[in-house]
N, C-alpha and C. Protein backbone atom coordinates (compact mmCIF):
# COMPACT_ATOMS: atom_id res chain seq x y z
N MET A 1 -99.32 -48.68 282.89
CA MET A 1 -98.63 -49.22 284.04
C MET A 1 -97.22 -49.65 283.63
N GLU A 2 -96.33 -49.54 284.58
CA GLU A 2 -94.94 -49.94 284.36
C GLU A 2 -94.59 -51.10 285.29
N VAL A 3 -93.53 -51.79 284.96
CA VAL A 3 -93.06 -52.90 285.77
C VAL A 3 -91.72 -52.51 286.40
N PHE A 4 -91.63 -52.71 287.71
CA PHE A 4 -90.40 -52.41 288.46
C PHE A 4 -89.95 -53.68 289.16
N TYR A 5 -88.66 -53.80 289.37
CA TYR A 5 -88.08 -54.97 290.02
C TYR A 5 -87.29 -54.51 291.24
N PHE A 6 -87.50 -55.21 292.35
CA PHE A 6 -86.83 -54.88 293.61
C PHE A 6 -86.03 -56.07 294.09
N THR A 7 -84.82 -55.79 294.57
CA THR A 7 -84.00 -56.82 295.19
C THR A 7 -83.96 -56.56 296.69
N PHE A 8 -83.48 -57.55 297.43
CA PHE A 8 -83.45 -57.47 298.89
C PHE A 8 -82.03 -57.55 299.41
N HIS A 9 -81.84 -57.08 300.65
CA HIS A 9 -80.54 -57.16 301.30
C HIS A 9 -80.13 -58.61 301.50
N ASN A 10 -78.84 -58.86 301.57
CA ASN A 10 -78.30 -60.22 301.67
C ASN A 10 -78.83 -61.01 302.86
N LYS A 11 -79.13 -60.37 303.98
CA LYS A 11 -79.58 -61.07 305.17
C LYS A 11 -81.11 -61.13 305.28
N HIS A 12 -81.81 -60.60 304.31
CA HIS A 12 -83.27 -60.64 304.31
C HIS A 12 -83.75 -62.04 303.95
N MET A 13 -84.92 -62.44 304.47
CA MET A 13 -85.44 -63.78 304.18
C MET A 13 -85.70 -64.00 302.69
N TYR A 14 -85.84 -62.90 301.92
CA TYR A 14 -86.04 -62.99 300.48
C TYR A 14 -84.80 -62.58 299.69
N ALA A 15 -83.65 -62.74 300.28
CA ALA A 15 -82.39 -62.33 299.63
C ALA A 15 -82.18 -63.02 298.29
N ASN A 16 -82.73 -64.21 298.11
CA ASN A 16 -82.55 -64.96 296.86
C ASN A 16 -83.72 -64.79 295.91
N TYR A 17 -84.49 -63.73 296.12
CA TYR A 17 -85.68 -63.49 295.30
C TYR A 17 -85.67 -62.08 294.73
N VAL A 18 -86.48 -61.90 293.70
CA VAL A 18 -86.72 -60.58 293.13
C VAL A 18 -88.23 -60.34 293.18
N GLN A 19 -88.62 -59.11 293.54
CA GLN A 19 -90.03 -58.77 293.63
C GLN A 19 -90.42 -57.85 292.47
N GLN A 20 -91.36 -58.29 291.69
CA GLN A 20 -91.89 -57.47 290.59
C GLN A 20 -93.08 -56.67 291.13
N VAL A 21 -93.11 -55.38 290.80
CA VAL A 21 -94.22 -54.52 291.20
C VAL A 21 -94.74 -53.81 289.96
N ILE A 22 -96.05 -53.90 289.74
CA ILE A 22 -96.69 -53.21 288.63
C ILE A 22 -97.33 -51.96 289.21
N ALA A 23 -96.92 -50.81 288.69
CA ALA A 23 -97.37 -49.53 289.23
C ALA A 23 -97.35 -48.48 288.14
N LYS A 24 -98.00 -47.34 288.41
CA LYS A 24 -98.02 -46.27 287.40
C LYS A 24 -96.68 -45.55 287.29
N ASP A 25 -95.90 -45.54 288.39
CA ASP A 25 -94.60 -44.88 288.35
C ASP A 25 -93.70 -45.40 289.48
N TRP A 26 -92.46 -44.94 289.46
CA TRP A 26 -91.44 -45.36 290.43
C TRP A 26 -91.91 -45.08 291.85
N SER A 27 -92.49 -43.92 292.08
CA SER A 27 -92.92 -43.53 293.42
C SER A 27 -93.99 -44.46 293.96
N GLN A 28 -94.95 -44.81 293.15
CA GLN A 28 -96.02 -45.71 293.58
C GLN A 28 -95.47 -47.12 293.84
N ALA A 29 -94.54 -47.56 293.02
CA ALA A 29 -93.93 -48.87 293.22
C ALA A 29 -93.15 -48.90 294.54
N LYS A 30 -92.40 -47.86 294.80
CA LYS A 30 -91.63 -47.77 296.05
C LYS A 30 -92.57 -47.75 297.26
N GLU A 31 -93.66 -47.02 297.17
CA GLU A 31 -94.64 -46.96 298.26
C GLU A 31 -95.22 -48.35 298.54
N LYS A 32 -95.53 -49.10 297.49
CA LYS A 32 -96.07 -50.45 297.66
C LYS A 32 -95.04 -51.36 298.34
N MET A 33 -93.80 -51.27 297.92
CA MET A 33 -92.75 -52.09 298.54
C MET A 33 -92.56 -51.72 300.00
N ASN A 34 -92.58 -50.44 300.32
CA ASN A 34 -92.44 -50.02 301.71
C ASN A 34 -93.61 -50.52 302.55
N TRP A 35 -94.80 -50.57 301.97
CA TRP A 35 -95.97 -51.07 302.68
C TRP A 35 -95.83 -52.57 302.93
N GLU A 36 -95.35 -53.30 301.94
CA GLU A 36 -95.20 -54.76 302.05
C GLU A 36 -94.00 -55.18 302.88
N TYR A 37 -92.86 -54.51 302.70
CA TYR A 37 -91.60 -54.96 303.28
C TYR A 37 -90.90 -53.90 304.13
N GLN A 38 -91.56 -52.81 304.46
CA GLN A 38 -90.95 -51.65 305.12
C GLN A 38 -89.79 -51.18 304.24
N ASN A 39 -88.67 -50.90 304.82
CA ASN A 39 -87.52 -50.46 304.02
C ASN A 39 -86.48 -51.57 303.89
N LYS A 40 -86.92 -52.80 303.92
CA LYS A 40 -86.01 -53.94 303.94
C LYS A 40 -85.65 -54.46 302.54
N TRP A 41 -85.79 -53.64 301.55
CA TRP A 41 -85.38 -54.00 300.20
C TRP A 41 -84.13 -53.19 299.85
N LYS A 42 -83.46 -53.60 298.78
CA LYS A 42 -82.16 -52.99 298.49
C LYS A 42 -82.18 -52.06 297.27
N LYS A 43 -82.58 -52.58 296.11
CA LYS A 43 -82.51 -51.79 294.86
C LYS A 43 -83.82 -51.87 294.11
N ILE A 44 -84.05 -50.82 293.32
CA ILE A 44 -85.22 -50.78 292.44
C ILE A 44 -84.72 -50.57 291.01
N PHE A 45 -85.32 -51.32 290.08
CA PHE A 45 -84.97 -51.22 288.67
C PHE A 45 -86.24 -51.07 287.84
N THR A 46 -86.15 -50.30 286.77
CA THR A 46 -87.22 -50.34 285.77
C THR A 46 -87.09 -51.67 285.03
N GLU A 47 -88.07 -52.00 284.23
CA GLU A 47 -88.02 -53.25 283.49
C GLU A 47 -86.80 -53.30 282.57
N ASN A 48 -86.53 -52.20 281.86
CA ASN A 48 -85.37 -52.17 280.96
C ASN A 48 -84.05 -52.27 281.71
N GLU A 49 -83.96 -51.58 282.85
CA GLU A 49 -82.74 -51.65 283.65
C GLU A 49 -82.50 -53.08 284.15
N TYR A 50 -83.58 -53.73 284.60
CA TYR A 50 -83.44 -55.09 285.12
C TYR A 50 -83.03 -56.05 284.01
N LYS A 51 -83.63 -55.92 282.83
CA LYS A 51 -83.25 -56.76 281.70
C LYS A 51 -81.78 -56.55 281.34
N ARG A 52 -81.32 -55.32 281.41
CA ARG A 52 -79.92 -55.02 281.12
C ARG A 52 -79.01 -55.70 282.16
N GLN A 53 -79.41 -55.64 283.42
CA GLN A 53 -78.64 -56.31 284.48
C GLN A 53 -78.55 -57.81 284.22
N LEU A 54 -79.67 -58.42 283.83
CA LEU A 54 -79.69 -59.85 283.54
C LEU A 54 -78.77 -60.18 282.37
N SER A 55 -78.81 -59.36 281.32
CA SER A 55 -77.97 -59.62 280.15
C SER A 55 -76.48 -59.45 280.47
N ASN A 56 -76.19 -58.69 281.53
CA ASN A 56 -74.80 -58.52 281.97
C ASN A 56 -74.39 -59.60 282.97
N GLY A 57 -75.28 -60.55 283.23
CA GLY A 57 -74.95 -61.66 284.12
C GLY A 57 -75.30 -61.44 285.58
N CYS A 58 -75.91 -60.32 285.90
CA CYS A 58 -76.29 -60.03 287.29
C CYS A 58 -77.68 -60.59 287.61
N TYR A 59 -77.89 -60.95 288.85
CA TYR A 59 -79.21 -61.33 289.38
C TYR A 59 -79.83 -62.56 288.72
N GLN A 60 -79.06 -63.33 287.99
CA GLN A 60 -79.62 -64.47 287.27
C GLN A 60 -80.07 -65.60 288.18
N ASP A 61 -79.56 -65.64 289.40
CA ASP A 61 -79.93 -66.70 290.33
C ASP A 61 -81.16 -66.37 291.17
N LEU A 62 -81.66 -65.14 291.04
CA LEU A 62 -82.82 -64.74 291.85
C LEU A 62 -84.10 -65.40 291.33
N LYS A 63 -84.91 -65.86 292.26
CA LYS A 63 -86.21 -66.46 291.92
C LYS A 63 -87.29 -65.39 292.03
N PRO A 64 -88.25 -65.39 291.13
CA PRO A 64 -89.29 -64.37 291.19
C PRO A 64 -90.34 -64.68 292.25
N LEU A 65 -90.73 -63.65 292.98
CA LEU A 65 -91.88 -63.73 293.89
C LEU A 65 -93.14 -63.41 293.08
N PRO A 66 -94.32 -63.76 293.56
CA PRO A 66 -95.55 -63.36 292.86
C PRO A 66 -95.60 -61.83 292.75
N PRO A 67 -96.04 -61.30 291.62
CA PRO A 67 -96.06 -59.84 291.44
C PRO A 67 -96.99 -59.15 292.42
N LEU A 68 -96.61 -57.92 292.74
CA LEU A 68 -97.46 -57.04 293.54
C LEU A 68 -98.04 -55.98 292.61
N TYR A 69 -99.26 -55.58 292.88
CA TYR A 69 -99.94 -54.56 292.07
C TYR A 69 -100.20 -53.34 292.93
N ALA A 70 -99.75 -52.19 292.46
CA ALA A 70 -99.95 -50.94 293.19
C ALA A 70 -100.97 -50.10 292.44
N TYR A 71 -102.15 -50.04 292.97
CA TYR A 71 -103.22 -49.24 292.35
C TYR A 71 -103.71 -48.21 293.35
N GLU A 72 -104.11 -47.08 292.85
CA GLU A 72 -104.68 -46.05 293.73
C GLU A 72 -106.14 -46.24 293.89
């Protein structure tokens, strides 16, 4: 399983949060997010990409939501 991170649009009720999704691949993670939030999310990152963003000073103010699990 892989870990993916999703951010939300600025006007979304979760704009100040990041959603972690545990899934077998990008496609499954995206499907889970669409089921939970429709298309109201903004960006998807792999775990390494998200860590890189954090080390560059991005997204540091976002609070984590409880993880979602995408299983078939």
